[in-house]
Amino acid sequence: MVNLNIIPFPFFIFLVSNCYAQEIQVERMKVSWQHHDEVVSFTASAPDDGWVALGFNSKDDIVGSNLIMVGVTGSKVTAEDFYVVSAGNPQPVKSLNSESQIINSSGSEENGITTVTFSIPIKAFDDYHFDLTKGRKLWLICAYSMEDEFDHHSRMRKHVEITL
């Protein structure tokens, strides 16, 4: 256990700020993220029993986005890493000769709310993903559906500019 009485004041500020997770609410969807050494962990919850998605883009557009979709059916969690090639045309990054960046996805459905978590590397390793460096501004696409199949359209989709 750390004795806070002997820690210099500036160090204490760093210790506290390093553990802080950022959180936003977009309509009825909640999203939070926390930076770790080499990954960013995201948690998103939506008021429905279908998939939940978070997308990342340098501009306010679905096209060119890296889109992470997670569906929960019972105890089974399915997560897919997409790149949006054109409007209505998300392609799994694996089909574009890349690799999924999703690490440790999980999820649950309870009382009509789907909650998902996943981590992705801070450093992008190809053109289908984005660097997620702390302090970087980018567009976050928040979406959810009433169905778990990823080809089902979203019930809600909003783009918000954030600072990671």
N, C-alpha and C. Protein backbone atom coordinates (compact mmCIF):
# COMPACT_ATOMS: atom_id res chain seq x y z
N MET A 1 0.84 -1.19 0.00
CA MET A 1 0.00 0.00 0.00
C MET A 1 0.88 1.25 0.00
N VAL A 2 0.47 2.25 -0.74
CA VAL A 2 1.22 3.49 -0.84
C VAL A 2 0.83 4.42 0.31
N ASN A 3 1.81 4.96 1.02
CA ASN A 3 1.55 5.93 2.07
C ASN A 3 1.55 7.31 1.43
N LEU A 4 0.38 7.91 1.31
CA LEU A 4 0.23 9.19 0.63
C LEU A 4 0.84 10.35 1.42
N ASN A 5 1.13 10.14 2.69
CA ASN A 5 1.72 11.21 3.51
C ASN A 5 3.16 11.49 3.12
N ILE A 6 3.85 10.54 2.49
CA ILE A 6 5.25 10.77 2.15
C ILE A 6 5.48 11.01 0.66
N ILE A 7 4.41 11.02 -0.14
CA ILE A 7 4.55 11.26 -1.57
C ILE A 7 4.50 12.76 -1.83
N PRO A 8 5.47 13.31 -2.56
CA PRO A 8 5.43 14.73 -2.91
C PRO A 8 4.15 15.05 -3.68
N PHE A 9 3.59 16.20 -3.50
CA PHE A 9 2.33 16.61 -4.10
C PHE A 9 2.28 16.42 -5.61
N PRO A 10 3.25 16.86 -6.42
CA PRO A 10 3.17 16.67 -7.87
C PRO A 10 3.08 15.20 -8.28
N PHE A 11 3.76 14.31 -7.56
CA PHE A 11 3.68 12.89 -7.88
C PHE A 11 2.27 12.36 -7.65
N PHE A 12 1.64 12.81 -6.58
CA PHE A 12 0.29 12.38 -6.26
C PHE A 12 -0.67 12.76 -7.39
N ILE A 13 -0.54 13.95 -7.93
CA ILE A 13 -1.38 14.38 -9.06
C ILE A 13 -1.20 13.44 -10.24
N PHE A 14 0.05 13.08 -10.56
CA PHE A 14 0.32 12.17 -11.68
C PHE A 14 -0.30 10.81 -11.41
N LEU A 15 -0.15 10.31 -10.20
CA LEU A 15 -0.68 9.00 -9.84
C LEU A 15 -2.19 8.97 -10.02
N VAL A 16 -2.87 9.97 -9.57
CA VAL A 16 -4.32 10.03 -9.69
C VAL A 16 -4.74 10.20 -11.15
N SER A 17 -4.12 11.12 -11.89
CA SER A 17 -4.53 11.38 -13.26
C SER A 17 -4.22 10.20 -14.18
N ASN A 18 -3.23 9.40 -13.86
CA ASN A 18 -2.88 8.25 -14.68
C ASN A 18 -3.93 7.15 -14.60
N CYS A 19 -4.75 7.14 -13.57
CA CYS A 19 -5.76 6.10 -13.36
C CYS A 19 -7.15 6.54 -13.83
N TYR A 20 -7.26 7.73 -14.35
CA TYR A 20 -8.56 8.31 -14.69
C TYR A 20 -9.07 7.81 -16.04
N ALA A 21 -10.29 7.34 -16.05
CA ALA A 21 -10.93 6.92 -17.30
C ALA A 21 -11.84 8.05 -17.77
N GLN A 22 -11.84 8.29 -19.07
CA GLN A 22 -12.72 9.31 -19.63
C GLN A 22 -14.05 8.66 -19.99
N GLU A 23 -15.12 9.44 -19.91
CA GLU A 23 -16.45 8.90 -20.19
C GLU A 23 -17.30 9.95 -20.87
N ILE A 24 -18.11 9.50 -21.83
CA ILE A 24 -19.08 10.37 -22.48
C ILE A 24 -20.40 9.63 -22.60
N GLN A 25 -21.45 10.40 -22.80
CA GLN A 25 -22.75 9.82 -23.08
C GLN A 25 -23.23 10.41 -24.40
N VAL A 26 -23.66 9.55 -25.30
CA VAL A 26 -24.17 9.95 -26.61
C VAL A 26 -25.59 9.41 -26.69
N GLU A 27 -26.55 10.31 -26.57
CA GLU A 27 -27.96 9.92 -26.42
C GLU A 27 -28.04 8.96 -25.24
N ARG A 28 -28.50 7.72 -25.45
CA ARG A 28 -28.63 6.78 -24.33
C ARG A 28 -27.48 5.77 -24.28
N MET A 29 -26.45 6.03 -25.05
CA MET A 29 -25.28 5.15 -25.07
C MET A 29 -24.15 5.77 -24.24
N LYS A 30 -23.52 4.94 -23.40
CA LYS A 30 -22.40 5.41 -22.59
C LYS A 30 -21.12 4.76 -23.09
N VAL A 31 -20.06 5.56 -23.16
CA VAL A 31 -18.76 5.08 -23.63
C VAL A 31 -17.69 5.60 -22.69
N SER A 32 -16.79 4.71 -22.29
CA SER A 32 -15.64 5.14 -21.49
C SER A 32 -14.39 4.48 -22.04
N TRP A 33 -13.25 5.11 -21.78
CA TRP A 33 -11.98 4.55 -22.23
C TRP A 33 -10.89 4.91 -21.25
N GLN A 34 -9.88 4.06 -21.24
CA GLN A 34 -8.74 4.28 -20.36
C GLN A 34 -7.47 3.82 -21.07
N HIS A 35 -6.47 4.69 -21.06
CA HIS A 35 -5.17 4.36 -21.65
C HIS A 35 -4.35 3.54 -20.67
N HIS A 36 -3.69 2.53 -21.20
CA HIS A 36 -2.73 1.73 -20.46
C HIS A 36 -1.39 1.87 -21.19
N ASP A 37 -0.42 1.07 -20.87
CA ASP A 37 0.90 1.21 -21.49
C ASP A 37 0.86 1.15 -23.01
N GLU A 38 0.28 0.10 -23.58
CA GLU A 38 0.30 -0.07 -25.02
C GLU A 38 -1.09 -0.22 -25.65
N VAL A 39 -2.14 -0.22 -24.82
CA VAL A 39 -3.50 -0.40 -25.32
C VAL A 39 -4.44 0.63 -24.72
N VAL A 40 -5.59 0.77 -25.36
CA VAL A 40 -6.69 1.56 -24.82
C VAL A 40 -7.84 0.59 -24.60
N SER A 41 -8.44 0.62 -23.43
CA SER A 41 -9.59 -0.22 -23.12
C SER A 41 -10.86 0.62 -23.23
N PHE A 42 -11.84 0.08 -23.92
CA PHE A 42 -13.12 0.75 -24.12
C PHE A 42 -14.24 -0.07 -23.50
N THR A 43 -15.21 0.62 -22.92
CA THR A 43 -16.45 0.01 -22.45
C THR A 43 -17.58 0.84 -23.03
N ALA A 44 -18.56 0.15 -23.60
CA ALA A 44 -19.72 0.84 -24.18
C ALA A 44 -20.98 0.09 -23.77
N SER A 45 -22.01 0.84 -23.41
CA SER A 45 -23.29 0.22 -23.08
C SER A 45 -24.39 0.94 -23.84
N ALA A 46 -25.39 0.15 -24.25
CA ALA A 46 -26.49 0.68 -25.05
C ALA A 46 -27.80 0.07 -24.58
N PRO A 47 -28.89 0.82 -24.71
CA PRO A 47 -30.19 0.37 -24.21
C PRO A 47 -30.91 -0.56 -25.19
N ASP A 48 -30.28 -1.66 -25.54
CA ASP A 48 -30.88 -2.61 -26.46
C ASP A 48 -30.18 -3.95 -26.32
N ASP A 49 -30.70 -4.98 -26.97
CA ASP A 49 -30.11 -6.32 -26.88
C ASP A 49 -29.30 -6.69 -28.12
N GLY A 50 -29.00 -5.76 -28.98
CA GLY A 50 -28.24 -6.05 -30.19
C GLY A 50 -26.78 -5.68 -30.06
N TRP A 51 -26.11 -5.60 -31.22
CA TRP A 51 -24.69 -5.27 -31.22
C TRP A 51 -24.44 -3.83 -30.78
N VAL A 52 -23.21 -3.59 -30.35
CA VAL A 52 -22.74 -2.27 -29.97
C VAL A 52 -21.46 -2.02 -30.76
N ALA A 53 -21.30 -0.81 -31.29
CA ALA A 53 -20.13 -0.52 -32.12
C ALA A 53 -19.51 0.82 -31.76
N LEU A 54 -18.18 0.85 -31.87
CA LEU A 54 -17.41 2.09 -31.76
C LEU A 54 -16.53 2.19 -32.99
N GLY A 55 -16.52 3.36 -33.59
CA GLY A 55 -15.69 3.58 -34.76
C GLY A 55 -14.76 4.76 -34.53
N PHE A 56 -13.67 4.77 -35.28
CA PHE A 56 -12.65 5.79 -35.14
C PHE A 56 -12.32 6.35 -36.52
N ASN A 57 -12.25 7.68 -36.62
CA ASN A 57 -11.92 8.31 -37.89
C ASN A 57 -11.29 9.66 -37.61
N SER A 58 -10.45 10.13 -38.52
CA SER A 58 -9.84 11.45 -38.38
C SER A 58 -10.78 12.54 -38.90
N LYS A 59 -11.87 12.15 -39.55
CA LYS A 59 -12.86 13.11 -40.05
C LYS A 59 -14.26 12.65 -39.68
N ASP A 60 -15.22 13.55 -39.77
CA ASP A 60 -16.61 13.26 -39.41
C ASP A 60 -17.29 12.51 -40.56
N ASP A 61 -16.95 11.22 -40.68
CA ASP A 61 -17.46 10.42 -41.78
C ASP A 61 -17.38 8.95 -41.40
N ILE A 62 -18.37 8.18 -41.79
CA ILE A 62 -18.32 6.74 -41.55
C ILE A 62 -17.34 6.08 -42.52
N VAL A 63 -17.25 6.61 -43.74
CA VAL A 63 -16.32 6.06 -44.74
C VAL A 63 -14.89 6.33 -44.28
N GLY A 64 -14.06 5.30 -44.34
CA GLY A 64 -12.69 5.42 -43.88
C GLY A 64 -12.52 5.16 -42.40
N SER A 65 -13.58 4.74 -41.74
CA SER A 65 -13.53 4.48 -40.30
C SER A 65 -13.08 3.06 -40.00
N ASN A 66 -12.40 2.92 -38.87
CA ASN A 66 -12.16 1.62 -38.28
C ASN A 66 -13.32 1.40 -37.32
N LEU A 67 -14.07 0.35 -37.53
CA LEU A 67 -15.31 0.10 -36.79
C LEU A 67 -15.20 -1.22 -36.04
N ILE A 68 -15.32 -1.17 -34.71
CA ILE A 68 -15.29 -2.36 -33.88
C ILE A 68 -16.73 -2.65 -33.46
N MET A 69 -17.25 -3.82 -33.88
CA MET A 69 -18.62 -4.23 -33.54
C MET A 69 -18.56 -5.44 -32.63
N VAL A 70 -19.39 -5.41 -31.57
CA VAL A 70 -19.42 -6.50 -30.61
C VAL A 70 -20.88 -6.88 -30.37
N GLY A 71 -21.17 -8.16 -30.51
CA GLY A 71 -22.50 -8.69 -30.24
C GLY A 71 -22.45 -9.71 -29.12
N VAL A 72 -23.52 -9.76 -28.33
CA VAL A 72 -23.62 -10.69 -27.21
C VAL A 72 -24.90 -11.50 -27.38
N THR A 73 -24.75 -12.83 -27.42
CA THR A 73 -25.89 -13.73 -27.48
C THR A 73 -25.71 -14.76 -26.38
N GLY A 74 -26.50 -14.63 -25.32
CA GLY A 74 -26.30 -15.50 -24.17
C GLY A 74 -24.93 -15.25 -23.57
N SER A 75 -24.13 -16.31 -23.47
CA SER A 75 -22.77 -16.16 -22.94
C SER A 75 -21.73 -16.02 -24.06
N LYS A 76 -22.18 -16.04 -25.32
CA LYS A 76 -21.26 -15.94 -26.45
C LYS A 76 -21.07 -14.47 -26.86
N VAL A 77 -19.81 -14.06 -26.97
CA VAL A 77 -19.46 -12.71 -27.39
C VAL A 77 -18.74 -12.81 -28.73
N THR A 78 -19.23 -12.04 -29.72
CA THR A 78 -18.60 -12.01 -31.03
C THR A 78 -18.14 -10.59 -31.29
N ALA A 79 -16.86 -10.43 -31.63
CA ALA A 79 -16.29 -9.11 -31.91
C ALA A 79 -15.64 -9.15 -33.28
N GLU A 80 -15.84 -8.09 -34.05
CA GLU A 80 -15.26 -8.02 -35.40
C GLU A 80 -14.68 -6.64 -35.63
N ASP A 81 -13.54 -6.62 -36.29
CA ASP A 81 -12.81 -5.40 -36.62
C ASP A 81 -13.04 -5.11 -38.10
N PHE A 82 -13.73 -4.00 -38.40
CA PHE A 82 -14.10 -3.64 -39.77
C PHE A 82 -13.38 -2.37 -40.21
N TYR A 83 -13.28 -2.20 -41.51
CA TYR A 83 -12.88 -0.93 -42.12
C TYR A 83 -14.01 -0.58 -43.09
N VAL A 84 -14.53 0.65 -43.00
CA VAL A 84 -15.65 1.06 -43.84
C VAL A 84 -15.11 1.58 -45.17
N VAL A 85 -15.26 0.76 -46.20
CA VAL A 85 -14.73 1.05 -47.53
C VAL A 85 -15.55 2.12 -48.24
N SER A 86 -16.88 2.01 -48.11
CA SER A 86 -17.80 3.00 -48.69
C SER A 86 -19.08 2.95 -47.87
N ALA A 87 -19.98 3.89 -48.10
CA ALA A 87 -21.22 3.97 -47.32
C ALA A 87 -21.96 2.63 -47.40
N GLY A 88 -22.27 2.07 -46.24
CA GLY A 88 -22.98 0.80 -46.18
C GLY A 88 -22.12 -0.40 -46.52
N ASN A 89 -20.79 -0.23 -46.57
CA ASN A 89 -19.90 -1.31 -46.99
C ASN A 89 -18.72 -1.50 -46.02
N PRO A 90 -19.02 -1.93 -44.77
CA PRO A 90 -17.91 -2.24 -43.86
C PRO A 90 -17.34 -3.61 -44.22
N GLN A 91 -16.03 -3.70 -44.30
CA GLN A 91 -15.36 -4.96 -44.63
C GLN A 91 -14.52 -5.41 -43.44
N PRO A 92 -14.59 -6.69 -43.09
CA PRO A 92 -13.68 -7.18 -42.04
C PRO A 92 -12.24 -6.91 -42.47
N VAL A 93 -11.43 -6.40 -41.56
CA VAL A 93 -10.04 -6.08 -41.94
C VAL A 93 -9.29 -7.32 -42.40
N LYS A 94 -9.70 -8.48 -41.93
CA LYS A 94 -9.07 -9.74 -42.37
C LYS A 94 -9.27 -9.94 -43.87
N SER A 95 -10.43 -9.51 -44.41
CA SER A 95 -10.68 -9.66 -45.84
C SER A 95 -9.87 -8.66 -46.66
N LEU A 96 -9.27 -7.67 -45.99
CA LEU A 96 -8.43 -6.67 -46.64
C LEU A 96 -6.94 -6.96 -46.41
N ASN A 97 -6.66 -8.20 -46.07
CA ASN A 97 -5.29 -8.67 -45.81
C ASN A 97 -4.63 -7.98 -44.61
N SER A 98 -5.43 -7.67 -43.60
CA SER A 98 -4.91 -7.11 -42.36
C SER A 98 -5.27 -8.06 -41.22
N GLU A 99 -5.03 -7.62 -40.01
CA GLU A 99 -5.35 -8.40 -38.82
C GLU A 99 -6.20 -7.58 -37.87
N SER A 100 -7.08 -8.26 -37.19
CA SER A 100 -7.90 -7.60 -36.17
C SER A 100 -7.00 -7.08 -35.05
N GLN A 101 -7.32 -5.90 -34.55
CA GLN A 101 -6.59 -5.34 -33.41
C GLN A 101 -7.31 -5.59 -32.09
N ILE A 102 -8.46 -6.23 -32.13
CA ILE A 102 -9.26 -6.42 -30.91
C ILE A 102 -8.55 -7.37 -29.95
N ILE A 103 -8.45 -6.92 -28.70
CA ILE A 103 -7.84 -7.71 -27.63
C ILE A 103 -8.87 -7.85 -26.51
N ASN A 104 -9.05 -9.06 -26.02
CA ASN A 104 -9.86 -9.30 -24.81
C ASN A 104 -11.26 -8.71 -24.86
N SER A 105 -12.06 -9.07 -25.85
CA SER A 105 -13.43 -8.58 -25.88
C SER A 105 -14.30 -9.40 -24.93
N SER A 106 -15.27 -8.71 -24.34
CA SER A 106 -16.24 -9.38 -23.46
C SER A 106 -17.53 -8.59 -23.51
N GLY A 107 -18.59 -9.17 -22.97
CA GLY A 107 -19.86 -8.46 -22.99
C GLY A 107 -20.91 -9.17 -22.18
N SER A 108 -22.00 -8.44 -21.95
CA SER A 108 -23.13 -9.00 -21.22
C SER A 108 -24.40 -8.27 -21.64
N GLU A 109 -25.52 -8.95 -21.45
CA GLU A 109 -26.84 -8.33 -21.65
C GLU A 109 -27.62 -8.52 -20.36
N GLU A 110 -28.11 -7.41 -19.84
CA GLU A 110 -28.86 -7.49 -18.59
C GLU A 110 -29.90 -6.38 -18.54
N ASN A 111 -31.14 -6.75 -18.29
CA ASN A 111 -32.24 -5.80 -18.18
C ASN A 111 -32.35 -4.89 -19.40
N GLY A 112 -32.17 -5.46 -20.59
CA GLY A 112 -32.32 -4.68 -21.82
C GLY A 112 -31.14 -3.78 -22.15
N ILE A 113 -30.02 -3.95 -21.46
CA ILE A 113 -28.83 -3.14 -21.72
C ILE A 113 -27.68 -4.07 -22.11
N THR A 114 -27.05 -3.77 -23.23
CA THR A 114 -25.87 -4.52 -23.66
C THR A 114 -24.64 -3.71 -23.29
N THR A 115 -23.69 -4.35 -22.62
CA THR A 115 -22.43 -3.72 -22.24
C THR A 115 -21.29 -4.55 -22.82
N VAL A 116 -20.38 -3.89 -23.51
CA VAL A 116 -19.24 -4.58 -24.12
C VAL A 116 -17.94 -3.89 -23.71
N THR A 117 -16.89 -4.67 -23.66
CA THR A 117 -15.56 -4.12 -23.39
C THR A 117 -14.57 -4.76 -24.37
N PHE A 118 -13.57 -4.00 -24.73
CA PHE A 118 -12.49 -4.51 -25.56
C PHE A 118 -11.31 -3.56 -25.44
N SER A 119 -10.16 -4.05 -25.81
CA SER A 119 -8.96 -3.22 -25.86
C SER A 119 -8.39 -3.30 -27.26
N ILE A 120 -7.74 -2.21 -27.67
CA ILE A 120 -7.03 -2.19 -28.95
C ILE A 120 -5.71 -1.45 -28.75
N PRO A 121 -4.70 -1.80 -29.54
CA PRO A 121 -3.40 -1.13 -29.39
C PRO A 121 -3.48 0.38 -29.64
N ILE A 122 -2.67 1.11 -28.92
CA ILE A 122 -2.59 2.56 -29.12
C ILE A 122 -1.99 2.86 -30.49
N LYS A 123 -0.98 2.11 -30.87
CA LYS A 123 -0.27 2.34 -32.13
C LYS A 123 -0.90 1.52 -33.25
N ALA A 124 -1.39 2.20 -34.29
CA ALA A 124 -1.95 1.52 -35.46
C ALA A 124 -0.82 0.88 -36.26
N PHE A 125 -1.09 -0.29 -36.82
CA PHE A 125 -0.05 -0.96 -37.60
C PHE A 125 -0.37 -1.04 -39.08
N ASP A 126 -1.45 -0.37 -39.52
CA ASP A 126 -1.76 -0.32 -40.95
C ASP A 126 -2.70 0.85 -41.23
N ASP A 127 -3.11 1.00 -42.48
CA ASP A 127 -3.97 2.12 -42.87
C ASP A 127 -5.44 1.91 -42.52
N TYR A 128 -5.81 0.76 -42.00
CA TYR A 128 -7.20 0.47 -41.64
C TYR A 128 -7.51 0.81 -40.18
N HIS A 129 -6.51 1.24 -39.45
CA HIS A 129 -6.65 1.55 -38.03
C HIS A 129 -6.08 2.94 -37.75
N PHE A 130 -6.33 3.46 -36.56
CA PHE A 130 -5.89 4.80 -36.19
C PHE A 130 -5.05 4.75 -34.92
N ASP A 131 -4.05 5.63 -34.86
CA ASP A 131 -3.31 5.79 -33.61
C ASP A 131 -4.25 6.40 -32.58
N LEU A 132 -4.24 5.84 -31.39
CA LEU A 132 -5.14 6.28 -30.33
C LEU A 132 -4.35 6.87 -29.16
N THR A 133 -3.37 7.69 -29.49
CA THR A 133 -2.51 8.33 -28.51
C THR A 133 -3.33 9.23 -27.59
N LYS A 134 -3.02 9.16 -26.32
CA LYS A 134 -3.70 10.01 -25.33
C LYS A 134 -3.53 11.48 -25.72
N GLY A 135 -4.63 12.23 -25.72
CA GLY A 135 -4.61 13.64 -26.08
C GLY A 135 -4.94 13.91 -27.54
N ARG A 136 -5.00 12.87 -28.37
CA ARG A 136 -5.31 13.05 -29.79
C ARG A 136 -6.81 13.31 -29.98
N LYS A 137 -7.12 14.24 -30.89
CA LYS A 137 -8.51 14.48 -31.27
C LYS A 137 -8.87 13.58 -32.44
N LEU A 138 -10.04 12.98 -32.36
CA LEU A 138 -10.57 12.20 -33.48
C LEU A 138 -12.07 12.09 -33.35
N TRP A 139 -12.69 11.56 -34.38
CA TRP A 139 -14.13 11.36 -34.39
C TRP A 139 -14.43 9.96 -33.90
N LEU A 140 -15.31 9.87 -32.91
CA LEU A 140 -15.77 8.59 -32.37
C LEU A 140 -17.17 8.35 -32.90
N ILE A 141 -17.36 7.21 -33.52
CA ILE A 141 -18.67 6.82 -34.03
C ILE A 141 -19.28 5.88 -33.01
N CYS A 142 -20.43 6.24 -32.49
CA CYS A 142 -21.12 5.44 -31.48
C CYS A 142 -22.40 4.91 -32.12
N ALA A 143 -22.60 3.59 -32.06
CA ALA A 143 -23.77 3.01 -32.70
C ALA A 143 -24.21 1.76 -31.94
N TYR A 144 -25.51 1.46 -32.09
CA TYR A 144 -26.02 0.19 -31.57
C TYR A 144 -27.22 -0.23 -32.38
N SER A 145 -27.55 -1.51 -32.24
CA SER A 145 -28.63 -2.12 -33.01
C SER A 145 -29.54 -2.91 -32.08
N MET A 146 -30.70 -3.25 -32.57
CA MET A 146 -31.59 -4.11 -31.80
C MET A 146 -31.38 -5.58 -32.15
N GLU A 147 -30.49 -5.88 -33.08
CA GLU A 147 -30.17 -7.25 -33.49
C GLU A 147 -28.68 -7.51 -33.30
N ASP A 148 -28.30 -8.79 -33.12
CA ASP A 148 -26.90 -9.13 -32.92
C ASP A 148 -26.14 -9.39 -34.21
N GLU A 149 -26.84 -9.59 -35.32
CA GLU A 149 -26.16 -9.82 -36.59
C GLU A 149 -25.56 -8.51 -37.07
N PHE A 150 -24.29 -8.54 -37.45
CA PHE A 150 -23.58 -7.32 -37.82
C PHE A 150 -24.09 -6.70 -39.11
N ASP A 151 -24.79 -7.44 -39.95
CA ASP A 151 -25.32 -6.85 -41.18
C ASP A 151 -26.64 -6.12 -40.96
N HIS A 152 -27.16 -6.15 -39.74
CA HIS A 152 -28.38 -5.42 -39.40
C HIS A 152 -28.04 -3.95 -39.16
N HIS A 153 -28.87 -3.05 -39.67
CA HIS A 153 -28.61 -1.61 -39.54
C HIS A 153 -28.69 -1.14 -38.09
N SER A 154 -28.04 -0.03 -37.84
CA SER A 154 -28.04 0.53 -36.49
C SER A 154 -29.38 1.17 -36.17
N ARG A 155 -29.71 1.12 -34.90
CA ARG A 155 -30.89 1.82 -34.38
C ARG A 155 -30.51 3.27 -34.07
N MET A 156 -29.25 3.46 -33.66
CA MET A 156 -28.73 4.79 -33.36
C MET A 156 -27.28 4.84 -33.82
N ARG A 157 -26.91 5.94 -34.47
CA ARG A 157 -25.52 6.18 -34.84
C ARG A 157 -25.26 7.67 -34.78
N LYS A 158 -24.28 8.05 -34.00
CA LYS A 158 -23.87 9.44 -33.87
C LYS A 158 -22.35 9.53 -33.93
N HIS A 159 -21.87 10.64 -34.49
CA HIS A 159 -20.43 10.91 -34.56
C HIS A 159 -20.15 12.07 -33.61
N VAL A 160 -19.16 11.90 -32.75
CA VAL A 160 -18.78 12.96 -31.83
C VAL A 160 -17.26 13.13 -31.88
N GLU A 161 -16.83 14.38 -31.85
CA GLU A 161 -15.40 14.63 -31.80
C GLU A 161 -14.96 14.58 -30.35
N ILE A 162 -13.90 13.80 -30.09
CA ILE A 162 -13.40 13.62 -28.73
C ILE A 162 -11.90 13.87 -28.69
N THR A 163 -11.41 14.05 -27.49
CA THR A 163 -9.97 14.06 -27.24
C THR A 163 -9.70 12.85 -26.37
N LEU A 164 -8.89 11.96 -26.89
CA LEU A 164 -8.59 10.72 -26.14
C LEU A 164 -7.82 11.02 -24.87
